[in-house]
N, C-alpha and C. Protein backbone atom coordinates (compact mmCIF):
# COMPACT_ATOMS: atom_id res chain seq x y z
N MET A 1 117.24 -157.68 137.86
CA MET A 1 116.22 -156.76 137.37
C MET A 1 114.85 -157.27 137.82
N GLU A 2 114.01 -156.38 138.34
CA GLU A 2 112.67 -156.72 138.78
C GLU A 2 111.80 -157.01 137.56
N LEU A 3 111.00 -158.07 137.65
CA LEU A 3 110.16 -158.48 136.54
C LEU A 3 109.27 -157.33 136.08
N GLY A 4 109.36 -156.97 134.83
CA GLY A 4 108.49 -155.98 134.24
C GLY A 4 108.91 -154.54 134.43
N LYS A 5 109.91 -154.29 135.26
CA LYS A 5 110.27 -152.90 135.59
C LYS A 5 110.71 -152.11 134.36
N ASP A 6 111.48 -152.72 133.49
CA ASP A 6 112.00 -152.01 132.33
C ASP A 6 111.31 -152.41 131.03
N VAL A 7 110.13 -152.98 131.15
CA VAL A 7 109.43 -153.44 129.96
C VAL A 7 108.72 -152.27 129.28
N SER A 8 108.97 -152.11 128.00
CA SER A 8 108.14 -151.20 127.22
C SER A 8 107.18 -152.09 126.45
N ILE A 9 106.09 -151.55 126.03
CA ILE A 9 105.08 -152.37 125.36
C ILE A 9 105.18 -152.14 123.86
N PRO A 10 105.83 -153.07 123.15
CA PRO A 10 105.94 -152.93 121.68
C PRO A 10 104.56 -153.04 121.02
N LYS A 11 104.43 -152.49 119.81
CA LYS A 11 103.14 -152.48 119.10
C LYS A 11 102.60 -153.89 118.89
N LEU A 12 103.44 -154.82 118.49
CA LEU A 12 102.98 -156.20 118.29
C LEU A 12 102.47 -156.79 119.60
N GLU A 13 103.11 -156.43 120.69
CA GLU A 13 102.67 -156.90 122.01
C GLU A 13 101.26 -156.39 122.33
N ARG A 14 100.99 -155.16 121.96
CA ARG A 14 99.67 -154.59 122.19
C ARG A 14 98.60 -155.35 121.40
N VAL A 15 98.92 -155.70 120.18
CA VAL A 15 97.99 -156.48 119.36
C VAL A 15 97.71 -157.83 120.04
N LYS A 16 98.76 -158.46 120.54
CA LYS A 16 98.60 -159.75 121.24
C LYS A 16 97.73 -159.59 122.48
N ILE A 17 97.91 -158.49 123.19
CA ILE A 17 97.09 -158.25 124.39
C ILE A 17 95.61 -158.17 124.01
N PHE A 18 95.30 -157.43 122.94
CA PHE A 18 93.90 -157.32 122.52
C PHE A 18 93.36 -158.68 122.06
N GLY A 19 94.19 -159.47 121.41
CA GLY A 19 93.76 -160.80 120.97
C GLY A 19 93.44 -161.70 122.15
N ILE A 20 94.34 -161.76 123.12
CA ILE A 20 94.08 -162.62 124.29
C ILE A 20 92.92 -162.07 125.11
N ALA A 21 92.76 -160.75 125.12
CA ALA A 21 91.64 -160.15 125.85
C ALA A 21 90.31 -160.54 125.21
N ALA A 22 90.28 -160.64 123.89
CA ALA A 22 89.06 -161.10 123.21
C ALA A 22 88.77 -162.54 123.60
N VAL A 23 89.80 -163.38 123.61
CA VAL A 23 89.63 -164.78 124.03
C VAL A 23 89.18 -164.83 125.49
N GLY A 24 89.83 -164.03 126.34
CA GLY A 24 89.46 -163.99 127.76
C GLY A 24 88.02 -163.54 127.96
N GLY A 25 87.60 -162.53 127.22
CA GLY A 25 86.22 -162.05 127.31
C GLY A 25 85.23 -163.10 126.85
N PHE A 26 85.56 -163.81 125.78
CA PHE A 26 84.69 -164.87 125.25
C PHE A 26 84.57 -166.02 126.25
N ILE A 27 85.69 -166.48 126.79
CA ILE A 27 85.67 -167.59 127.75
C ILE A 27 84.95 -167.18 129.03
N ALA A 28 85.20 -165.97 129.51
CA ALA A 28 84.52 -165.49 130.72
C ALA A 28 83.00 -165.42 130.49
N THR A 29 82.60 -165.01 129.29
CA THR A 29 81.17 -164.95 128.97
C THR A 29 80.58 -166.36 128.94
N LEU A 30 81.29 -167.32 128.38
CA LEU A 30 80.79 -168.70 128.39
C LEU A 30 80.59 -169.21 129.81
N ALA A 31 81.51 -168.86 130.70
CA ALA A 31 81.37 -169.26 132.10
C ALA A 31 80.11 -168.65 132.71
N ILE A 32 79.85 -167.41 132.37
CA ILE A 32 78.66 -166.73 132.88
C ILE A 32 77.39 -167.34 132.29
N VAL A 33 77.45 -167.80 131.06
CA VAL A 33 76.31 -168.50 130.46
C VAL A 33 75.92 -169.67 131.36
N GLY A 34 76.91 -170.42 131.80
CA GLY A 34 76.63 -171.55 132.70
C GLY A 34 75.97 -171.09 133.99
N LEU A 35 76.47 -170.02 134.56
CA LEU A 35 75.87 -169.49 135.80
C LEU A 35 74.44 -169.01 135.57
N ILE A 36 74.20 -168.40 134.44
CA ILE A 36 72.85 -167.93 134.12
C ILE A 36 71.90 -169.12 134.00
N LEU A 37 72.33 -170.16 133.31
CA LEU A 37 71.47 -171.33 133.13
C LEU A 37 71.17 -172.00 134.47
N VAL A 38 72.17 -172.08 135.34
CA VAL A 38 71.95 -172.66 136.68
C VAL A 38 70.98 -171.77 137.46
N SER A 39 71.17 -170.46 137.40
CA SER A 39 70.30 -169.53 138.12
C SER A 39 68.86 -169.63 137.64
N GLU A 40 68.69 -169.75 136.34
CA GLU A 40 67.34 -169.90 135.81
C GLU A 40 66.68 -171.16 136.36
N THR A 41 67.44 -172.22 136.48
CA THR A 41 66.91 -173.45 137.04
C THR A 41 66.52 -173.26 138.50
N VAL A 42 67.40 -172.63 139.27
CA VAL A 42 67.13 -172.39 140.69
C VAL A 42 65.89 -171.52 140.87
N LEU A 43 65.74 -170.51 140.00
CA LEU A 43 64.59 -169.61 140.08
C LEU A 43 63.34 -170.20 139.44
N THR A 44 63.46 -171.42 138.93
CA THR A 44 62.40 -172.14 138.21
C THR A 44 61.92 -171.39 136.96
N PHE A 45 62.84 -170.67 136.34
CA PHE A 45 62.55 -170.05 135.05
C PHE A 45 62.95 -171.05 133.97
N PRO A 46 62.35 -170.96 132.80
CA PRO A 46 62.75 -171.84 131.70
C PRO A 46 64.19 -171.55 131.27
N ARG A 47 64.87 -172.59 130.84
CA ARG A 47 66.25 -172.43 130.38
C ARG A 47 66.30 -171.49 129.17
N GLY A 48 67.21 -170.52 129.24
CA GLY A 48 67.37 -169.58 128.14
C GLY A 48 66.51 -168.34 128.26
N LEU A 49 65.80 -168.20 129.36
CA LEU A 49 64.89 -167.06 129.52
C LEU A 49 65.61 -165.72 129.40
N PHE A 50 66.77 -165.60 130.02
CA PHE A 50 67.54 -164.36 129.95
C PHE A 50 67.77 -163.97 128.50
N TYR A 51 68.19 -164.92 127.69
CA TYR A 51 68.47 -164.64 126.29
C TYR A 51 67.20 -164.37 125.50
N THR A 52 66.12 -165.04 125.85
CA THR A 52 64.84 -164.81 125.19
C THR A 52 64.37 -163.38 125.43
N VAL A 53 64.49 -162.91 126.67
CA VAL A 53 64.07 -161.55 127.00
C VAL A 53 64.90 -160.53 126.21
N ILE A 54 66.21 -160.76 126.12
CA ILE A 54 67.06 -159.85 125.34
C ILE A 54 66.62 -159.85 123.87
N GLY A 55 66.40 -161.03 123.33
CA GLY A 55 65.94 -161.11 121.93
C GLY A 55 64.59 -160.46 121.73
N ASN A 56 63.69 -160.64 122.72
CA ASN A 56 62.38 -159.97 122.63
C ASN A 56 62.54 -158.46 122.64
N ALA A 57 63.48 -157.95 123.42
CA ALA A 57 63.71 -156.50 123.47
C ALA A 57 64.14 -155.98 122.10
N LEU A 58 64.71 -156.86 121.29
CA LEU A 58 65.15 -156.47 119.94
C LEU A 58 64.12 -156.81 118.87
N GLY A 59 62.95 -157.28 119.30
CA GLY A 59 61.87 -157.52 118.36
C GLY A 59 61.72 -158.94 117.86
N ALA A 60 62.56 -159.85 118.32
CA ALA A 60 62.45 -161.25 117.89
C ALA A 60 61.54 -162.01 118.86
N SER A 61 61.18 -163.24 118.49
CA SER A 61 60.36 -164.05 119.39
C SER A 61 60.78 -165.51 119.29
N GLY A 62 60.36 -166.30 120.29
CA GLY A 62 60.62 -167.73 120.31
C GLY A 62 62.10 -168.07 120.25
N THR A 63 62.41 -169.10 119.47
CA THR A 63 63.79 -169.58 119.34
C THR A 63 64.70 -168.51 118.77
N ASP A 64 64.19 -167.72 117.83
CA ASP A 64 65.00 -166.64 117.26
C ASP A 64 65.43 -165.66 118.35
N ALA A 65 64.52 -165.32 119.24
CA ALA A 65 64.84 -164.39 120.33
C ALA A 65 65.93 -164.97 121.22
N THR A 66 65.80 -166.24 121.56
CA THR A 66 66.79 -166.89 122.42
C THR A 66 68.16 -166.91 121.75
N ASN A 67 68.19 -167.28 120.48
CA ASN A 67 69.47 -167.34 119.75
C ASN A 67 70.10 -165.95 119.62
N ILE A 68 69.30 -164.96 119.27
CA ILE A 68 69.82 -163.60 119.13
C ILE A 68 70.38 -163.12 120.46
N GLY A 69 69.64 -163.32 121.53
CA GLY A 69 70.10 -162.91 122.85
C GLY A 69 71.39 -163.60 123.25
N PHE A 70 71.49 -164.89 122.97
CA PHE A 70 72.68 -165.66 123.32
C PHE A 70 73.90 -165.17 122.55
N TYR A 71 73.76 -165.04 121.24
CA TYR A 71 74.91 -164.63 120.42
C TYR A 71 75.32 -163.17 120.70
N LEU A 72 74.36 -162.33 120.97
CA LEU A 72 74.71 -160.95 121.32
C LEU A 72 75.44 -160.89 122.66
N HIS A 73 75.06 -161.76 123.59
CA HIS A 73 75.74 -161.81 124.88
C HIS A 73 77.19 -162.24 124.69
N LEU A 74 77.42 -163.25 123.87
CA LEU A 74 78.79 -163.69 123.58
C LEU A 74 79.59 -162.58 122.89
N LEU A 75 78.98 -161.92 121.94
CA LEU A 75 79.65 -160.83 121.23
C LEU A 75 79.97 -159.68 122.19
N ALA A 76 79.00 -159.30 123.00
CA ALA A 76 79.22 -158.21 123.95
C ALA A 76 80.34 -158.54 124.93
N GLY A 77 80.36 -159.77 125.47
CA GLY A 77 81.41 -160.17 126.40
C GLY A 77 82.79 -160.15 125.76
N THR A 78 82.86 -160.56 124.51
CA THR A 78 84.13 -160.55 123.78
C THR A 78 84.60 -159.11 123.54
N LEU A 79 83.69 -158.26 123.09
CA LEU A 79 84.03 -156.86 122.83
C LEU A 79 84.40 -156.12 124.13
N ILE A 80 83.70 -156.41 125.20
CA ILE A 80 84.03 -155.79 126.48
C ILE A 80 85.43 -156.22 126.92
N GLY A 81 85.79 -157.48 126.66
CA GLY A 81 87.14 -157.94 126.96
C GLY A 81 88.19 -157.13 126.22
N ILE A 82 87.91 -156.84 124.96
CA ILE A 82 88.85 -156.03 124.16
C ILE A 82 88.95 -154.61 124.72
N VAL A 83 87.81 -154.01 125.00
CA VAL A 83 87.81 -152.64 125.53
C VAL A 83 88.52 -152.59 126.89
N ALA A 84 88.27 -153.59 127.74
CA ALA A 84 88.89 -153.62 129.06
C ALA A 84 90.41 -153.78 128.98
N ALA A 85 90.91 -154.24 127.84
CA ALA A 85 92.36 -154.39 127.66
C ALA A 85 93.04 -153.09 127.25
N SER A 86 92.26 -152.09 126.90
CA SER A 86 92.86 -150.83 126.45
C SER A 86 93.85 -150.25 127.45
N PRO A 87 93.50 -150.15 128.74
CA PRO A 87 94.49 -149.63 129.69
C PRO A 87 95.72 -150.53 129.82
N ILE A 88 95.51 -151.83 129.71
CA ILE A 88 96.64 -152.77 129.83
C ILE A 88 97.61 -152.57 128.67
N ALA A 89 97.07 -152.40 127.48
CA ALA A 89 97.91 -152.26 126.29
C ALA A 89 98.50 -150.86 126.15
N ALA A 90 97.88 -149.88 126.76
CA ALA A 90 98.32 -148.50 126.56
C ALA A 90 99.20 -147.94 127.67
N ILE A 91 99.04 -148.46 128.87
CA ILE A 91 99.73 -147.86 130.02
C ILE A 91 100.68 -148.88 130.63
N LYS A 92 101.95 -148.59 130.52
CA LYS A 92 102.99 -149.52 131.00
C LYS A 92 102.77 -149.93 132.45
N ARG A 93 102.38 -148.99 133.28
CA ARG A 93 102.20 -149.28 134.71
C ARG A 93 101.08 -150.32 134.93
N ILE A 94 100.01 -150.23 134.17
CA ILE A 94 98.91 -151.20 134.30
C ILE A 94 99.33 -152.54 133.70
N TYR A 95 100.08 -152.50 132.62
CA TYR A 95 100.62 -153.74 132.04
C TYR A 95 101.43 -154.49 133.09
N VAL A 96 102.30 -153.80 133.77
CA VAL A 96 103.13 -154.41 134.82
C VAL A 96 102.25 -154.83 135.99
N PHE A 97 101.26 -154.04 136.32
CA PHE A 97 100.29 -154.33 137.38
C PHE A 97 99.66 -155.71 137.18
N MET A 98 99.36 -156.05 135.93
CA MET A 98 98.69 -157.32 135.61
C MET A 98 99.60 -158.53 135.81
N GLY A 99 100.89 -158.29 136.03
CA GLY A 99 101.81 -159.39 136.29
C GLY A 99 101.65 -160.01 137.67
N CYS A 100 100.97 -159.34 138.56
CA CYS A 100 100.77 -159.81 139.94
C CYS A 100 99.36 -160.38 140.07
N VAL A 101 99.25 -161.60 140.59
CA VAL A 101 97.96 -162.29 140.69
C VAL A 101 96.94 -161.47 141.48
N GLU A 102 97.31 -160.97 142.64
CA GLU A 102 96.37 -160.20 143.46
C GLU A 102 95.89 -158.95 142.74
N LYS A 103 96.80 -158.30 142.05
CA LYS A 103 96.44 -157.07 141.35
C LYS A 103 95.54 -157.35 140.15
N ARG A 104 95.77 -158.47 139.48
CA ARG A 104 94.90 -158.77 138.34
C ARG A 104 93.50 -159.13 138.83
N LEU A 105 93.40 -159.73 140.02
CA LEU A 105 92.07 -160.02 140.59
C LEU A 105 91.35 -158.71 140.93
N LEU A 106 92.09 -157.73 141.41
CA LEU A 106 91.51 -156.42 141.67
C LEU A 106 91.04 -155.80 140.35
N TYR A 107 91.87 -155.88 139.32
CA TYR A 107 91.51 -155.35 138.00
C TYR A 107 90.22 -156.03 137.51
N GLY A 108 90.14 -157.34 137.69
CA GLY A 108 88.96 -158.08 137.25
C GLY A 108 87.70 -157.69 138.02
N THR A 109 87.85 -157.50 139.32
CA THR A 109 86.71 -157.09 140.14
C THR A 109 86.21 -155.71 139.71
N ILE A 110 87.13 -154.81 139.50
CA ILE A 110 86.76 -153.46 139.05
C ILE A 110 86.12 -153.52 137.66
N THR A 111 86.70 -154.31 136.77
CA THR A 111 86.14 -154.46 135.42
C THR A 111 84.71 -154.97 135.49
N GLY A 112 84.48 -156.03 136.27
CA GLY A 112 83.14 -156.59 136.41
C GLY A 112 82.14 -155.59 136.95
N PHE A 113 82.56 -154.84 137.96
CA PHE A 113 81.67 -153.84 138.54
C PHE A 113 81.34 -152.76 137.52
N LEU A 114 82.34 -152.28 136.78
CA LEU A 114 82.11 -151.23 135.79
C LEU A 114 81.18 -151.70 134.67
N VAL A 115 81.35 -152.95 134.24
CA VAL A 115 80.46 -153.49 133.20
C VAL A 115 79.03 -153.55 133.72
N TRP A 116 78.88 -154.00 134.96
CA TRP A 116 77.54 -154.10 135.56
C TRP A 116 76.89 -152.72 135.66
N ILE A 117 77.62 -151.75 136.22
CA ILE A 117 77.02 -150.43 136.49
C ILE A 117 76.80 -149.62 135.21
N PHE A 118 77.70 -149.73 134.24
CA PHE A 118 77.58 -148.88 133.05
C PHE A 118 76.88 -149.55 131.87
N PHE A 119 76.76 -150.88 131.87
CA PHE A 119 76.10 -151.56 130.76
C PHE A 119 74.87 -152.33 131.21
N PHE A 120 75.05 -153.25 132.14
CA PHE A 120 73.95 -154.14 132.51
C PHE A 120 72.78 -153.39 133.14
N VAL A 121 73.06 -152.57 134.13
CA VAL A 121 71.98 -151.87 134.82
C VAL A 121 71.21 -150.94 133.87
N PRO A 122 71.90 -150.09 133.10
CA PRO A 122 71.13 -149.24 132.18
C PRO A 122 70.33 -150.03 131.14
N ILE A 123 70.93 -151.07 130.58
CA ILE A 123 70.20 -151.88 129.59
C ILE A 123 69.00 -152.56 130.23
N SER A 124 69.19 -153.05 131.45
CA SER A 124 68.09 -153.72 132.16
C SER A 124 66.90 -152.80 132.36
N TYR A 125 67.18 -151.58 132.82
CA TYR A 125 66.08 -150.65 133.12
C TYR A 125 65.60 -149.86 131.91
N ALA A 126 66.47 -149.62 130.94
CA ALA A 126 66.06 -148.82 129.77
C ALA A 126 65.47 -149.67 128.65
N GLU A 127 65.88 -150.93 128.55
CA GLU A 127 65.41 -151.78 127.45
C GLU A 127 64.58 -152.97 127.91
N VAL A 128 65.13 -153.74 128.84
CA VAL A 128 64.47 -154.99 129.23
C VAL A 128 63.17 -154.73 130.00
N ALA A 129 63.20 -153.88 131.01
CA ALA A 129 61.99 -153.62 131.80
C ALA A 129 60.85 -153.06 130.93
N PRO A 130 61.11 -152.04 130.09
CA PRO A 130 60.02 -151.55 129.24
C PRO A 130 59.51 -152.61 128.25
N THR A 131 60.42 -153.44 127.75
CA THR A 131 60.00 -154.50 126.83
C THR A 131 59.07 -155.47 127.54
N MET A 132 59.39 -155.79 128.77
CA MET A 132 58.53 -156.71 129.52
C MET A 132 57.15 -156.11 129.76
N GLU A 133 57.10 -154.81 130.00
CA GLU A 133 55.80 -154.14 130.19
C GLU A 133 54.97 -154.21 128.91
N LYS A 134 55.63 -154.08 127.76
CA LYS A 134 54.93 -154.13 126.47
C LYS A 134 54.40 -155.53 126.16
N LEU A 135 55.02 -156.53 126.77
CA LEU A 135 54.62 -157.91 126.48
C LEU A 135 53.31 -158.28 127.17
N GLY A 136 52.83 -157.41 128.02
CA GLY A 136 51.54 -157.65 128.67
C GLY A 136 51.61 -158.82 129.63
N ASP A 137 50.71 -159.79 129.42
CA ASP A 137 50.60 -160.92 130.34
C ASP A 137 51.79 -161.87 130.26
N GLY A 138 52.40 -161.95 129.10
CA GLY A 138 53.51 -162.88 128.99
C GLY A 138 54.07 -162.95 127.58
N PHE A 139 54.99 -163.88 127.42
CA PHE A 139 55.62 -164.08 126.11
C PHE A 139 56.03 -165.53 126.00
N LEU A 140 56.34 -165.93 124.79
CA LEU A 140 56.72 -167.32 124.55
C LEU A 140 58.22 -167.48 124.67
N ASP A 141 58.65 -168.54 125.36
CA ASP A 141 60.08 -168.83 125.42
C ASP A 141 60.45 -169.68 124.21
N ALA A 142 61.68 -170.17 124.17
CA ALA A 142 62.18 -170.92 123.01
C ALA A 142 61.38 -172.18 122.75
N SER A 143 60.82 -172.78 123.78
CA SER A 143 60.07 -174.03 123.59
C SER A 143 58.60 -173.76 123.27
N GLY A 144 58.21 -172.48 123.23
CA GLY A 144 56.83 -172.15 122.95
C GLY A 144 55.97 -172.04 124.20
N LYS A 145 56.55 -172.19 125.37
CA LYS A 145 55.82 -172.10 126.64
C LYS A 145 55.58 -170.62 126.98
N LEU A 146 54.37 -170.32 127.46
CA LEU A 146 54.04 -168.96 127.86
C LEU A 146 54.68 -168.65 129.21
N ILE A 147 55.45 -167.58 129.25
CA ILE A 147 56.08 -167.12 130.48
C ILE A 147 55.29 -165.90 130.96
N LYS A 148 54.81 -165.95 132.18
CA LYS A 148 54.06 -164.83 132.73
C LYS A 148 55.03 -163.71 133.09
N THR A 149 54.78 -162.55 132.53
CA THR A 149 55.63 -161.39 132.76
C THR A 149 55.69 -161.04 134.24
N LYS A 150 54.59 -161.20 134.96
CA LYS A 150 54.55 -160.85 136.39
C LYS A 150 55.56 -161.67 137.19
N GLU A 151 55.77 -162.94 136.83
CA GLU A 151 56.74 -163.78 137.53
C GLU A 151 58.14 -163.17 137.48
N ILE A 152 58.49 -162.62 136.34
CA ILE A 152 59.82 -162.03 136.16
C ILE A 152 59.85 -160.63 136.76
N SER A 153 58.81 -159.86 136.54
CA SER A 153 58.76 -158.49 137.06
C SER A 153 58.88 -158.46 138.58
N ASP A 154 58.26 -159.43 139.26
CA ASP A 154 58.32 -159.48 140.72
C ASP A 154 59.75 -159.69 141.22
N LYS A 155 60.58 -160.32 140.42
CA LYS A 155 61.96 -160.63 140.82
C LYS A 155 62.98 -159.76 140.10
N PHE A 156 62.52 -158.79 139.31
CA PHE A 156 63.41 -158.04 138.43
C PHE A 156 64.53 -157.33 139.17
N SER A 157 64.21 -156.56 140.19
CA SER A 157 65.25 -155.83 140.92
C SER A 157 66.23 -156.78 141.58
N THR A 158 65.74 -157.88 142.12
CA THR A 158 66.62 -158.89 142.73
C THR A 158 67.55 -159.50 141.69
N ILE A 159 67.03 -159.75 140.52
CA ILE A 159 67.84 -160.31 139.42
C ILE A 159 68.93 -159.32 139.03
N VAL A 160 68.57 -158.04 138.89
CA VAL A 160 69.54 -157.02 138.50
C VAL A 160 70.65 -156.91 139.54
N ILE A 161 70.28 -156.88 140.81
CA ILE A 161 71.29 -156.76 141.87
C ILE A 161 72.17 -158.00 141.94
N SER A 162 71.56 -159.18 141.84
CA SER A 162 72.35 -160.41 141.92
C SER A 162 73.27 -160.58 140.71
N ALA A 163 72.94 -159.91 139.62
CA ALA A 163 73.80 -159.99 138.42
C ALA A 163 75.15 -159.33 138.65
N LEU A 164 75.28 -158.52 139.68
CA LEU A 164 76.59 -157.95 140.01
C LEU A 164 77.60 -159.06 140.24
N GLY A 165 77.19 -160.10 140.95
CA GLY A 165 78.09 -161.24 141.19
C GLY A 165 78.52 -161.91 139.90
N PHE A 166 77.62 -162.04 138.95
CA PHE A 166 77.96 -162.64 137.66
C PHE A 166 79.01 -161.78 136.94
N HIS A 167 78.82 -160.48 137.00
CA HIS A 167 79.73 -159.58 136.31
C HIS A 167 81.11 -159.56 136.97
N ILE A 168 81.13 -159.67 138.27
CA ILE A 168 82.43 -159.75 138.95
C ILE A 168 83.11 -161.08 138.59
N GLN A 169 82.34 -162.16 138.51
CA GLN A 169 82.91 -163.44 138.07
C GLN A 169 83.49 -163.31 136.66
N TYR A 170 82.75 -162.64 135.79
CA TYR A 170 83.24 -162.38 134.43
C TYR A 170 84.59 -161.67 134.51
N GLY A 171 84.63 -160.58 135.27
CA GLY A 171 85.86 -159.80 135.39
C GLY A 171 87.02 -160.60 135.93
N LEU A 172 86.76 -161.44 136.92
CA LEU A 172 87.83 -162.25 137.51
C LEU A 172 88.37 -163.26 136.50
N ILE A 173 87.48 -163.96 135.82
CA ILE A 173 87.92 -164.94 134.82
C ILE A 173 88.68 -164.25 133.70
N TYR A 174 88.13 -163.14 133.23
CA TYR A 174 88.78 -162.35 132.19
C TYR A 174 90.18 -161.92 132.63
N ALA A 175 90.29 -161.38 133.84
CA ALA A 175 91.57 -160.85 134.32
C ALA A 175 92.59 -161.97 134.55
N VAL A 176 92.14 -163.13 134.99
CA VAL A 176 93.07 -164.25 135.17
C VAL A 176 93.64 -164.68 133.82
N ILE A 177 92.79 -164.79 132.82
CA ILE A 177 93.26 -165.20 131.49
C ILE A 177 94.18 -164.13 130.90
N THR A 178 93.73 -162.90 130.89
CA THR A 178 94.52 -161.82 130.30
C THR A 178 95.80 -161.57 131.09
N GLY A 179 95.67 -161.53 132.42
CA GLY A 179 96.83 -161.29 133.27
C GLY A 179 97.86 -162.40 133.21
N SER A 180 97.42 -163.63 133.08
CA SER A 180 98.36 -164.76 132.96
C SER A 180 99.18 -164.62 131.68
N PHE A 181 98.51 -164.23 130.61
CA PHE A 181 99.21 -164.00 129.35
C PHE A 181 100.24 -162.88 129.50
N VAL A 182 99.81 -161.77 130.09
CA VAL A 182 100.70 -160.63 130.28
C VAL A 182 101.90 -161.03 131.12
N SER A 183 101.67 -161.78 132.18
CA SER A 183 102.76 -162.22 133.05
C SER A 183 103.77 -163.07 132.28
N LYS A 184 103.30 -163.98 131.45
CA LYS A 184 104.21 -164.80 130.64
C LYS A 184 104.96 -163.95 129.63
N ARG A 185 104.27 -162.99 129.04
CA ARG A 185 104.92 -162.12 128.05
C ARG A 185 105.99 -161.24 128.71
N MET A 186 105.74 -160.78 129.95
CA MET A 186 106.73 -159.97 130.63
C MET A 186 108.03 -160.76 130.83
N LYS A 187 107.88 -162.04 131.13
CA LYS A 187 109.07 -162.87 131.32
C LYS A 187 109.85 -162.99 130.01
N VAL A 188 109.13 -163.13 128.91
CA VAL A 188 109.77 -163.24 127.59
C VAL A 188 110.44 -161.91 127.24
N LEU A 189 109.77 -160.81 127.46
CA LEU A 189 110.30 -159.50 127.10
C LEU A 189 111.48 -159.07 127.99
N ASN A 190 111.54 -159.62 129.19
CA ASN A 190 112.63 -159.27 130.11
C ASN A 190 113.92 -160.04 129.82
N LYS A 191 113.84 -161.05 128.98
CA LYS A 191 115.05 -161.85 128.70
C LYS A 191 116.01 -161.10 127.83
């Protein structure tokens, strides 16, 4: 019997898929946190600037803004992982699709791209950019240092475009974790 060919997805299995997808989304987001911090260093931005800007968009400032931005990013990545698992848990063909390494990498790439295009880009231009304009000359980061808004605005479009790579990395890490679980479960269910 071909692996996964006759597998039906029991209800408990679907719950497990959503659970591992939450873990996969959380871990993938933590990996992206590392990439963001490295990028901020390379761009000579203060550490945590991305999270500070998100928190500022929500009305917080200083350390509170950084913390709010960070925790919301972790929450969003976890929730996106759960949502991205919906097709895996609902459609037998996609469940089986995730059993193949190459196919799960494709799923992850598509997931990352969709998150970038439908969430990151609209939030960046609808919330973050206007918030930065309202901040005038600058804003305080978590350490209390004044960040000049112009420094970020000049690089804004480049940052948004380069974030596609981060989102694809998120999708790949997420899909490897989720797909590995699915592959192991298919072997158990086929016995």
